[in-house]
Amino acid sequence: MNQIAEMFDLPANRHPLRDKFLRWQCRVRQIAMRDNFGKPDDAIAPALRLPGEQSDMGHIITVLSKSPFHSMVPEFRQMFKNTQDPAQRRQKALDLFSETYYQKADTFSDILTATFPPKSEGAKKIRSAGQCRLDFTAYGQTFLLDCKVWKLTKNNSLHQATVWHNMLFNPNLPPDTVVLGFEPDWPRCVAEPPIG
């Protein structure tokens, strides 16, 4: 993971497919927030396949977070702490994510994250493999992303962004939730239809 580039928002891996994917993700996530009240669909929940496996392990719900330079963790934390009412938290999150949050694709990290229950055997298996493929297919577009897998520590900015984001929708998230990061190897990734 190129953490220095992420920290300072440098264009370390500005592959054209990366930019197209991030623009697409911002668009489909905003649609999910506006039209589906935040309910994840196939554009957000890709199929995950481990190397050498013939079938998918299942679908995971991914989080697209701002790069550390543009982090909104303090805002997420404040929204969570401002009220004890889960419905109000959820509505505030939907308002934010429906309006301005996804407007600028270049403010996002290309490392997707996902949460898993504590002691998840699935998370252990994915982490042990060290790599996987995430298959996104929705709205007439497919992205096949070959990814390196990271287990993120609690002090990692993407871990914090993922946990606070998810707590806005699920306040019962366990404190020892496992967060994995999926870093695409852009030259090995594929889009269909291809970028042009």
Foldseek 3Di string as FASTA:
>chain_A
DPLVCLQVLHPPPPDVVLLVLLLVLLVVQLCCLPPVVRDDDLQQWFFKFFPPDPDTPGTFGKDWAFRNVLHPLVVLVCLPPVDPDLVSLSVVLSVVSNPDPSVDSSRIDSKIKGWDAPPDPVVVVCVVSQWIWTWRDDPNKIKTFTWGKDWDDPVDSVNSRVVSSVCSNPVPRDPRITMMITHGPVVPMAMVVGDD
